[in-house]
Amino acid sequence: MLDMLAGYKEYIQSFVVFLMAVLAVLFFRRLWPRILFDITHPPIRIEVEKNREIYNEIVELRAIAESDRAYVYRFHNGMEFLPSHPAWKITCTHEVVKHGVTYESPKLQGLLVSLIPGIISPVLTGQSSFAGVVVKDCLECPFKDKCAREGKHVVVMNVDDMESGYCRFHLESQNNKTTIICGIAQGGSVYGIVGVDFCGIRPTEEHIRDVAQKVCRYTDKIQYLLNHKKSFCNSAYIR
């Protein structure tokens, strides 16, 4: 038996060498470029993958909400007013639309928050004194307790019921009839918005209630991506 194994020793060694060579080729041709990219471009890779996943989420949201538009906004400070007062702005970072509906994101870059208090204030505070703008009580929503802990609110805006002013003009310029938004939060502070728009036809109250829960659910998914998704090393290599 030992003599037989000794006779195959040379073949076994050759096979092992061949196998190691194949693994080395796979490593340097497939894995090494990916590892090198992760080392040299981690911020780019993380942001590209994160934004792709966010985009996929709002594609799903728009489809299941049967809305005309879905989007993500982020707050930021682009400059300061004198004397040393931050000029808070909001920018549309992601947008998907139904076929035939206009993209509005190119017009919604660096919009001053002070111009649209009727839209921003309710989603930050959970209170509204503006006509046509309602903060949903979300009594039947399974996410209501989590949203309460995080300081998030779902706001519904029926444009035809809003008072004249820039907020109404801003929404009408996008052909909106109803807008439903929810805050993206971290540590109890809202720093962004996920929303959907209905253009042309105002949805029924039943549909609005259903969509409000969907917006809340997808806001939670996008919030997780923004707050916790730190590394995408296990994702497919981007070519």
C-alpha atoms as a PDB file:
ATOM      1  CA  MET A   1       0.000   0.000   0.000  1.00  0.00           C
ATOM      2  CA  LEU A   2       2.815   2.371   0.955  1.00  0.00           C
ATOM      3  CA  ASP A   3       4.659   1.515  -2.241  1.00  0.00           C
ATOM      4  CA  MET A   4       1.546   2.378  -4.265  1.00  0.00           C
ATOM      5  CA  LEU A   5       1.182   5.752  -2.547  1.00  0.00           C
ATOM      6  CA  ALA A   6       4.852   6.475  -3.091  1.00  0.00           C
ATOM      7  CA  GLY A   7       4.319   5.880  -6.806  1.00  0.00           C
ATOM      8  CA  TYR A   8       1.613   8.547  -6.901  1.00  0.00           C
ATOM      9  CA  LYS A   9       3.585  11.019  -4.800  1.00  0.00           C
ATOM     10  CA  GLU A  10       4.971  12.836  -7.844  1.00  0.00           C
ATOM     11  CA  TYR A  11       1.490  13.158  -9.377  1.00  0.00           C
ATOM     12  CA  ILE A  12       0.025  14.463  -6.110  1.00  0.00           C
ATOM     13  CA  GLN A  13       2.781  17.041  -5.807  1.00  0.00           C
ATOM     14  CA  SER A  14       2.216  18.178  -9.396  1.00  0.00           C
ATOM     15  CA  PHE A  15      -1.519  18.495  -8.792  1.00  0.00           C
ATOM     16  CA  VAL A  16      -0.918  20.555  -5.658  1.00  0.00           C
ATOM     17  CA  VAL A  17       1.443  22.881  -7.536  1.00  0.00           C
ATOM     18  CA  PHE A  18      -1.107  23.262 -10.353  1.00  0.00           C
ATOM     19  CA  LEU A  19      -3.898  24.004  -7.864  1.00  0.00           C
ATOM     20  CA  MET A  20      -1.801  26.631  -6.108  1.00  0.00           C
ATOM     21  CA  ALA A  21      -0.997  28.262  -9.446  1.00  0.00           C
ATOM     22  CA  VAL A  22      -4.688  28.424 -10.355  1.00  0.00           C
ATOM     23  CA  LEU A  23      -5.556  29.981  -6.980  1.00  0.00           C
ATOM     24  CA  ALA A  24      -2.744  32.509  -7.374  1.00  0.00           C
ATOM     25  CA  VAL A  25      -4.028  33.535 -10.811  1.00  0.00           C
ATOM     26  CA  LEU A  26      -7.596  33.908  -9.476  1.00  0.00           C
ATOM     27  CA  PHE A  27      -6.345  35.970  -6.565  1.00  0.00           C
ATOM     28  CA  PHE A  28      -4.274  38.401  -8.616  1.00  0.00           C
ATOM     29  CA  ARG A  29      -6.743  38.674 -11.507  1.00  0.00           C
ATOM     30  CA  ARG A  30      -9.988  38.788  -9.524  1.00  0.00           C
ATOM     31  CA  LEU A  31      -9.526  39.508  -5.847  1.00  0.00           C
ATOM     32  CA  TRP A  32      -6.454  41.709  -5.773  1.00  0.00           C
ATOM     33  CA  PRO A  33      -7.915  44.535  -7.934  1.00  0.00           C
ATOM     34  CA  ARG A  34     -10.965  44.590  -5.704  1.00  0.00           C
ATOM     35  CA  ILE A  35      -8.881  44.656  -2.514  1.00  0.00           C
ATOM     36  CA  LEU A  36      -6.624  47.349  -3.962  1.00  0.00           C
ATOM     37  CA  PHE A  37      -9.662  49.440  -4.937  1.00  0.00           C
ATOM     38  CA  ASP A  38     -11.111  49.087  -1.434  1.00  0.00           C
ATOM     39  CA  ILE A  39      -7.809  50.235   0.061  1.00  0.00           C
ATOM     40  CA  THR A  40      -7.212  53.175  -2.257  1.00  0.00           C
ATOM     41  CA  HIS A  41     -10.818  54.357  -2.802  1.00  0.00           C
ATOM     42  CA  PRO A  42     -12.865  53.508   0.313  1.00  0.00           C
ATOM     43  CA  PRO A  43     -14.930  56.739   0.454  1.00  0.00           C
ATOM     44  CA  ILE A  44     -15.812  56.545  -3.242  1.00  0.00           C
ATOM     45  CA  ARG A  45     -16.745  52.890  -3.059  1.00  0.00           C
ATOM     46  CA  ILE A  46     -18.862  53.325   0.058  1.00  0.00           C
ATOM     47  CA  GLU A  47     -20.777  56.269  -1.390  1.00  0.00           C
ATOM     48  CA  VAL A  48     -21.327  54.640  -4.784  1.00  0.00           C
ATOM     49  CA  GLU A  49     -22.720  51.472  -3.227  1.00  0.00           C
ATOM     50  CA  LYS A  50     -24.765  53.356  -0.632  1.00  0.00           C
ATOM     51  CA  ASN A  51     -26.337  55.628  -3.247  1.00  0.00           C
ATOM     52  CA  ARG A  52     -27.125  52.686  -5.481  1.00  0.00           C
ATOM     53  CA  GLU A  53     -28.965  50.953  -2.646  1.00  0.00           C
ATOM     54  CA  ILE A  54     -30.850  54.138  -1.749  1.00  0.00           C
ATOM     55  CA  TYR A  55     -31.855  54.536  -5.390  1.00  0.00           C
ATOM     56  CA  ASN A  56     -33.167  50.946  -5.435  1.00  0.00           C
ATOM     57  CA  GLU A  57     -35.239  51.661  -2.320  1.00  0.00           C
ATOM     58  CA  ILE A  58     -36.950  54.732  -3.775  1.00  0.00           C
ATOM     59  CA  VAL A  59     -37.599  52.866  -7.034  1.00  0.00           C
ATOM     60  CA  GLU A  60     -39.501  50.280  -4.965  1.00  0.00           C
ATOM     61  CA  LEU A  61     -41.231  52.967  -2.904  1.00  0.00           C
ATOM     62  CA  ARG A  62     -42.522  54.824  -5.953  1.00  0.00           C
ATOM     63  CA  ALA A  63     -43.823  51.567  -7.449  1.00  0.00           C
ATOM     64  CA  ILE A  64     -45.665  50.252  -4.365  1.00  0.00           C
ATOM     65  CA  ALA A  65     -47.015  53.714  -3.482  1.00  0.00           C
ATOM     66  CA  GLU A  66     -48.233  54.110  -7.070  1.00  0.00           C
ATOM     67  CA  SER A  67     -46.951  57.675  -6.908  1.00  0.00           C
ATOM     68  CA  ASP A  68     -45.618  59.862  -9.691  1.00  0.00           C
ATOM     69  CA  ARG A  69     -42.372  60.752  -7.976  1.00  0.00           C
ATOM     70  CA  ALA A  70     -40.212  59.539  -5.071  1.00  0.00           C
ATOM     71  CA  TYR A  71     -37.132  61.228  -3.682  1.00  0.00           C
ATOM     72  CA  VAL A  72     -34.652  61.860  -0.885  1.00  0.00           C
ATOM     73  CA  TYR A  73     -33.645  65.299   0.415  1.00  0.00           C
ATOM     74  CA  ARG A  74     -30.700  66.095   2.689  1.00  0.00           C
ATOM     75  CA  PHE A  75     -30.162  69.184   4.826  1.00  0.00           C
ATOM     76  CA  HIS A  76     -26.799  70.945   4.680  1.00  0.00           C
ATOM     77  CA  ASN A  77     -25.110  74.256   5.420  1.00  0.00           C
ATOM     78  CA  GLY A  78     -23.558  75.750   2.309  1.00  0.00           C
ATOM     79  CA  MET A  79     -22.691  79.192   3.678  1.00  0.00           C
ATOM     80  CA  GLU A  80     -23.351  81.614   6.515  1.00  0.00           C
ATOM     81  CA  PHE A  81     -25.452  84.728   6.880  1.00  0.00           C
ATOM     82  CA  LEU A  82     -23.942  87.595   8.828  1.00  0.00           C
ATOM     83  CA  PRO A  83     -23.350  87.696  11.713  1.00  0.00           C
ATOM     84  CA  SER A  84     -22.339  84.017  11.801  1.00  0.00           C
ATOM     85  CA  HIS A  85     -25.821  82.563  11.278  1.00  0.00           C
ATOM     86  CA  PRO A  86     -25.922  79.289   9.317  1.00  0.00           C
ATOM     87  CA  ALA A  87     -27.836  79.451   6.048  1.00  0.00           C
ATOM     88  CA  TRP A  88     -29.521  76.061   6.153  1.00  0.00           C
ATOM     89  CA  LYS A  89     -30.333  74.551   2.791  1.00  0.00           C
ATOM     90  CA  ILE A  90     -31.943  71.413   1.445  1.00  0.00           C
ATOM     91  CA  THR A  91     -30.939  69.461  -1.650  1.00  0.00           C
ATOM     92  CA  CYS A  92     -32.649  66.667  -3.554  1.00  0.00           C
ATOM     93  CA  THR A  93     -30.026  63.909  -3.708  1.00  0.00           C
ATOM     94  CA  HIS A  94     -32.085  61.056  -5.229  1.00  0.00           C
ATOM     95  CA  GLU A  95     -35.181  61.087  -7.425  1.00  0.00           C
ATOM     96  CA  VAL A  96     -37.177  58.620  -9.520  1.00  0.00           C
ATOM     97  CA  VAL A  97     -40.283  59.436 -11.545  1.00  0.00           C
ATOM     98  CA  LYS A  98     -43.058  57.697 -13.384  1.00  0.00           C
ATOM     99  CA  HIS A  99     -42.781  57.689 -17.173  1.00  0.00           C
ATOM    100  CA  GLY A 100     -43.933  61.045 -18.499  1.00  0.00           C
ATOM    101  CA  VAL A 101     -43.358  62.921 -15.222  1.00  0.00           C
ATOM    102  CA  THR A 102     -40.683  65.601 -15.062  1.00  0.00           C
ATOM    103  CA  TYR A 103     -37.521  65.282 -12.995  1.00  0.00           C
ATOM    104  CA  GLU A 104     -37.343  68.172 -10.530  1.00  0.00           C
ATOM    105  CA  SER A 105     -34.053  67.389  -8.765  1.00  0.00           C
ATOM    106  CA  PRO A 106     -31.912  69.661 -11.007  1.00  0.00           C
ATOM    107  CA  LYS A 107     -33.990  72.630  -9.743  1.00  0.00           C
ATOM    108  CA  LEU A 108     -33.829  71.506  -6.117  1.00  0.00           C
ATOM    109  CA  GLN A 109     -30.168  71.970  -5.307  1.00  0.00           C
ATOM    110  CA  GLY A 110     -29.283  74.210  -2.374  1.00  0.00           C
ATOM    111  CA  LEU A 111     -32.815  75.479  -1.752  1.00  0.00           C
ATOM    112  CA  LEU A 112     -32.958  77.775   1.283  1.00  0.00           C
ATOM    113  CA  VAL A 113     -34.986  76.192   4.093  1.00  0.00           C
ATOM    114  CA  SER A 114     -36.245  79.657   5.069  1.00  0.00           C
ATOM    115  CA  LEU A 115     -38.262  79.793   1.822  1.00  0.00           C
ATOM    116  CA  ILE A 116     -40.398  76.735   2.610  1.00  0.00           C
ATOM    117  CA  PRO A 117     -41.207  76.738   6.365  1.00  0.00           C
ATOM    118  CA  GLY A 118     -44.641  75.225   5.723  1.00  0.00           C
ATOM    119  CA  ILE A 119     -42.957  72.131   4.314  1.00  0.00           C
ATOM    120  CA  ILE A 120     -39.941  71.835   6.608  1.00  0.00           C
ATOM    121  CA  SER A 121     -41.269  72.895  10.021  1.00  0.00           C
ATOM    122  CA  PRO A 122     -43.932  70.144  10.390  1.00  0.00           C
ATOM    123  CA  VAL A 123     -41.506  67.339   9.559  1.00  0.00           C
ATOM    124  CA  LEU A 124     -39.027  68.703  12.120  1.00  0.00           C
ATOM    125  CA  THR A 125     -41.437  69.510  14.960  1.00  0.00           C
ATOM    126  CA  GLY A 126     -44.444  67.238  14.392  1.00  0.00           C
ATOM    127  CA  GLN A 127     -46.718  70.280  14.535  1.00  0.00           C
ATOM    128  CA  SER A 128     -48.373  72.292  11.797  1.00  0.00           C
ATOM    129  CA  SER A 129     -50.299  75.550  11.792  1.00  0.00           C
ATOM    130  CA  PHE A 130     -50.348  75.726   7.998  1.00  0.00           C
ATOM    131  CA  ALA A 131     -53.538  75.150   6.003  1.00  0.00           C
ATOM    132  CA  GLY A 132     -53.440  71.963   3.929  1.00  0.00           C
ATOM    133  CA  VAL A 133     -50.463  70.544   5.854  1.00  0.00           C
ATOM    134  CA  VAL A 134     -51.281  67.691   8.251  1.00  0.00           C
ATOM    135  CA  VAL A 135     -49.011  65.700  10.563  1.00  0.00           C
ATOM    136  CA  LYS A 136     -50.321  62.122  10.519  1.00  0.00           C
ATOM    137  CA  ASP A 137     -51.139  60.547  13.869  1.00  0.00           C
ATOM    138  CA  CYS A 138     -50.047  57.134  12.505  1.00  0.00           C
ATOM    139  CA  LEU A 139     -52.175  55.302  15.097  1.00  0.00           C
ATOM    140  CA  GLU A 140     -52.296  52.125  13.023  1.00  0.00           C
ATOM    141  CA  CYS A 141     -48.700  52.280  11.784  1.00  0.00           C
ATOM    142  CA  PRO A 142     -46.416  49.506  13.126  1.00  0.00           C
ATOM    143  CA  PHE A 143     -43.519  51.986  13.142  1.00  0.00           C
ATOM    144  CA  LYS A 144     -45.222  54.620  15.329  1.00  0.00           C
ATOM    145  CA  ASP A 145     -43.276  53.799  18.527  1.00  0.00           C
ATOM    146  CA  LYS A 146     -39.927  53.733  16.731  1.00  0.00           C
ATOM    147  CA  CYS A 147     -40.695  57.007  14.970  1.00  0.00           C
ATOM    148  CA  ALA A 148     -41.708  58.623  18.259  1.00  0.00           C
ATOM    149  CA  ARG A 149     -38.374  57.615  19.847  1.00  0.00           C
ATOM    150  CA  GLU A 150     -36.412  58.962  16.889  1.00  0.00           C
ATOM    151  CA  GLY A 151     -38.385  62.186  16.490  1.00  0.00           C
ATOM    152  CA  LYS A 152     -39.689  61.357  13.013  1.00  0.00           C
ATOM    153  CA  HIS A 153     -43.036  62.529  11.657  1.00  0.00           C
ATOM    154  CA  VAL A 154     -45.081  61.793   8.540  1.00  0.00           C
ATOM    155  CA  VAL A 155     -46.515  64.919   6.931  1.00  0.00           C
ATOM    156  CA  VAL A 156     -49.215  65.079   4.244  1.00  0.00           C
ATOM    157  CA  MET A 157     -49.626  68.191   2.090  1.00  0.00           C
ATOM    158  CA  ASN A 158     -52.722  68.646  -0.063  1.00  0.00           C
ATOM    159  CA  VAL A 159     -51.678  71.470  -2.340  1.00  0.00           C
ATOM    160  CA  ASP A 160     -55.157  72.697  -3.267  1.00  0.00           C
ATOM    161  CA  ASP A 161     -55.903  73.311   0.438  1.00  0.00           C
ATOM    162  CA  MET A 162     -52.698  75.255   1.114  1.00  0.00           C
ATOM    163  CA  GLU A 163     -52.708  79.013   1.505  1.00  0.00           C
ATOM    164  CA  SER A 164     -51.125  81.152  -1.190  1.00  0.00           C
ATOM    165  CA  GLY A 165     -47.410  81.622  -0.756  1.00  0.00           C
ATOM    166  CA  TYR A 166     -44.075  80.256  -1.825  1.00  0.00           C
ATOM    167  CA  CYS A 167     -44.674  76.778  -0.327  1.00  0.00           C
ATOM    168  CA  ARG A 168     -47.759  76.303  -2.467  1.00  0.00           C
ATOM    169  CA  PHE A 169     -46.038  77.800  -5.507  1.00  0.00           C
ATOM    170  CA  HIS A 170     -43.054  75.500  -4.938  1.00  0.00           C
ATOM    171  CA  LEU A 171     -45.261  72.384  -4.973  1.00  0.00           C
ATOM    172  CA  GLU A 172     -47.545  73.577  -7.767  1.00  0.00           C
ATOM    173  CA  SER A 173     -44.525  74.252  -9.962  1.00  0.00           C
ATOM    174  CA  GLN A 174     -43.875  70.494  -9.796  1.00  0.00           C
ATOM    175  CA  ASN A 175     -47.525  69.799 -10.706  1.00  0.00           C
ATOM    176  CA  ASN A 176     -48.134  68.252  -7.277  1.00  0.00           C
ATOM    177  CA  LYS A 177     -51.584  67.576  -5.873  1.00  0.00           C
ATOM    178  CA  THR A 178     -50.508  65.661  -2.762  1.00  0.00           C
ATOM    179  CA  THR A 179     -47.084  65.246  -1.174  1.00  0.00           C
ATOM    180  CA  ILE A 180     -46.264  62.794   1.626  1.00  0.00           C
ATOM    181  CA  ILE A 181     -42.920  63.095   3.420  1.00  0.00           C
ATOM    182  CA  CYS A 182     -41.159  61.567   6.434  1.00  0.00           C
ATOM    183  CA  GLY A 183     -38.024  62.702   8.252  1.00  0.00           C
ATOM    184  CA  ILE A 184     -34.708  60.819   8.229  1.00  0.00           C
ATOM    185  CA  ALA A 185     -33.270  61.038  11.729  1.00  0.00           C
ATOM    186  CA  GLN A 186     -30.259  60.192  13.845  1.00  0.00           C
ATOM    187  CA  GLY A 187     -29.997  60.770  17.574  1.00  0.00           C
ATOM    188  CA  GLY A 188     -33.408  62.424  17.659  1.00  0.00           C
ATOM    189  CA  SER A 189     -32.510  65.012  15.008  1.00  0.00           C
ATOM    190  CA  VAL A 190     -33.988  65.059  11.513  1.00  0.00           C
ATOM    191  CA  TYR A 191     -31.383  65.616   8.800  1.00  0.00           C
ATOM    192  CA  GLY A 192     -33.223  64.529   5.668  1.00  0.00           C
ATOM    193  CA  ILE A 193     -36.552  63.686   4.073  1.00  0.00           C
ATOM    194  CA  VAL A 194     -38.007  60.792   2.084  1.00  0.00           C
ATOM    195  CA  GLY A 195     -41.140  61.622   0.136  1.00  0.00           C
ATOM    196  CA  VAL A 196     -43.529  60.849  -2.688  1.00  0.00           C
ATOM    197  CA  ASP A 197     -45.563  63.154  -4.931  1.00  0.00           C
ATOM    198  CA  PHE A 198     -48.894  62.611  -6.625  1.00  0.00           C
ATOM    199  CA  CYS A 199     -49.309  64.803  -9.691  1.00  0.00           C
ATOM    200  CA  GLY A 200     -52.489  65.650 -11.580  1.00  0.00           C
ATOM    201  CA  ILE A 201     -54.937  63.646  -9.436  1.00  0.00           C
ATOM    202  CA  ARG A 202     -55.331  63.861  -5.668  1.00  0.00           C
ATOM    203  CA  PRO A 203     -55.355  60.383  -4.037  1.00  0.00           C
ATOM    204  CA  THR A 204     -58.146  59.210  -1.743  1.00  0.00           C
ATOM    205  CA  GLU A 205     -57.793  59.437   2.031  1.00  0.00           C
ATOM    206  CA  GLU A 206     -57.561  55.643   2.258  1.00  0.00           C
ATOM    207  CA  HIS A 207     -54.740  55.622  -0.273  1.00  0.00           C
ATOM    208  CA  ILE A 208     -52.971  58.426   1.612  1.00  0.00           C
ATOM    209  CA  ARG A 209     -53.105  56.434   4.872  1.00  0.00           C
ATOM    210  CA  ASP A 210     -51.689  53.376   3.148  1.00  0.00           C
ATOM    211  CA  VAL A 211     -48.934  55.326   1.405  1.00  0.00           C
ATOM    212  CA  ALA A 212     -48.003  57.140   4.636  1.00  0.00           C
ATOM    213  CA  GLN A 213     -47.123  53.781   6.206  1.00  0.00           C
ATOM    214  CA  LYS A 214     -45.123  52.764   3.147  1.00  0.00           C
ATOM    215  CA  VAL A 215     -43.186  56.024   3.162  1.00  0.00           C
ATOM    216  CA  CYS A 216     -42.441  55.482   6.851  1.00  0.00           C
ATOM    217  CA  ARG A 217     -41.220  51.930   6.214  1.00  0.00           C
ATOM    218  CA  TYR A 218     -38.931  52.908   3.358  1.00  0.00           C
ATOM    219  CA  THR A 219     -37.649  55.920   5.291  1.00  0.00           C
ATOM    220  CA  ASP A 220     -36.543  53.457   7.956  1.00  0.00           C
ATOM    221  CA  LYS A 221     -34.625  51.424   5.340  1.00  0.00           C
ATOM    222  CA  ILE A 222     -32.938  54.488   3.856  1.00  0.00           C
ATOM    223  CA  GLN A 223     -32.164  55.812   7.326  1.00  0.00           C
ATOM    224  CA  TYR A 224     -30.376  52.546   8.115  1.00  0.00           C
ATOM    225  CA  LEU A 225     -28.270  52.846   4.953  1.00  0.00           C
ATOM    226  CA  LEU A 226     -27.288  56.418   5.770  1.00  0.00           C
ATOM    227  CA  ASN A 227     -26.668  55.901   9.495  1.00  0.00           C
ATOM    228  CA  HIS A 228     -25.167  52.424   9.731  1.00  0.00           C
ATOM    229  CA  LYS A 229     -23.977  51.138   6.360  1.00  0.00           C
ATOM    230  CA  LYS A 230     -20.260  51.762   6.704  1.00  0.00           C
ATOM    231  CA  SER A 231     -18.552  49.191   4.499  1.00  0.00           C
ATOM    232  CA  PHE A 232     -19.397  47.371   1.315  1.00  0.00           C
ATOM    233  CA  CYS A 233     -16.354  45.106   1.089  1.00  0.00           C
ATOM    234  CA  ASN A 234     -18.611  42.100   0.474  1.00  0.00           C
ATOM    235  CA  SER A 235     -20.327  43.698  -2.498  1.00  0.00           C
ATOM    236  CA  ALA A 236     -19.497  42.821  -6.081  1.00  0.00           C
ATOM    237  CA  TYR A 237     -16.458  44.563  -7.490  1.00  0.00           C
ATOM    238  CA  ILE A 238     -17.465  47.633  -9.488  1.00  0.00           C
ATOM    239  CA  ARG A 239     -16.055  47.533 -13.006  1.00  0.00           C
END
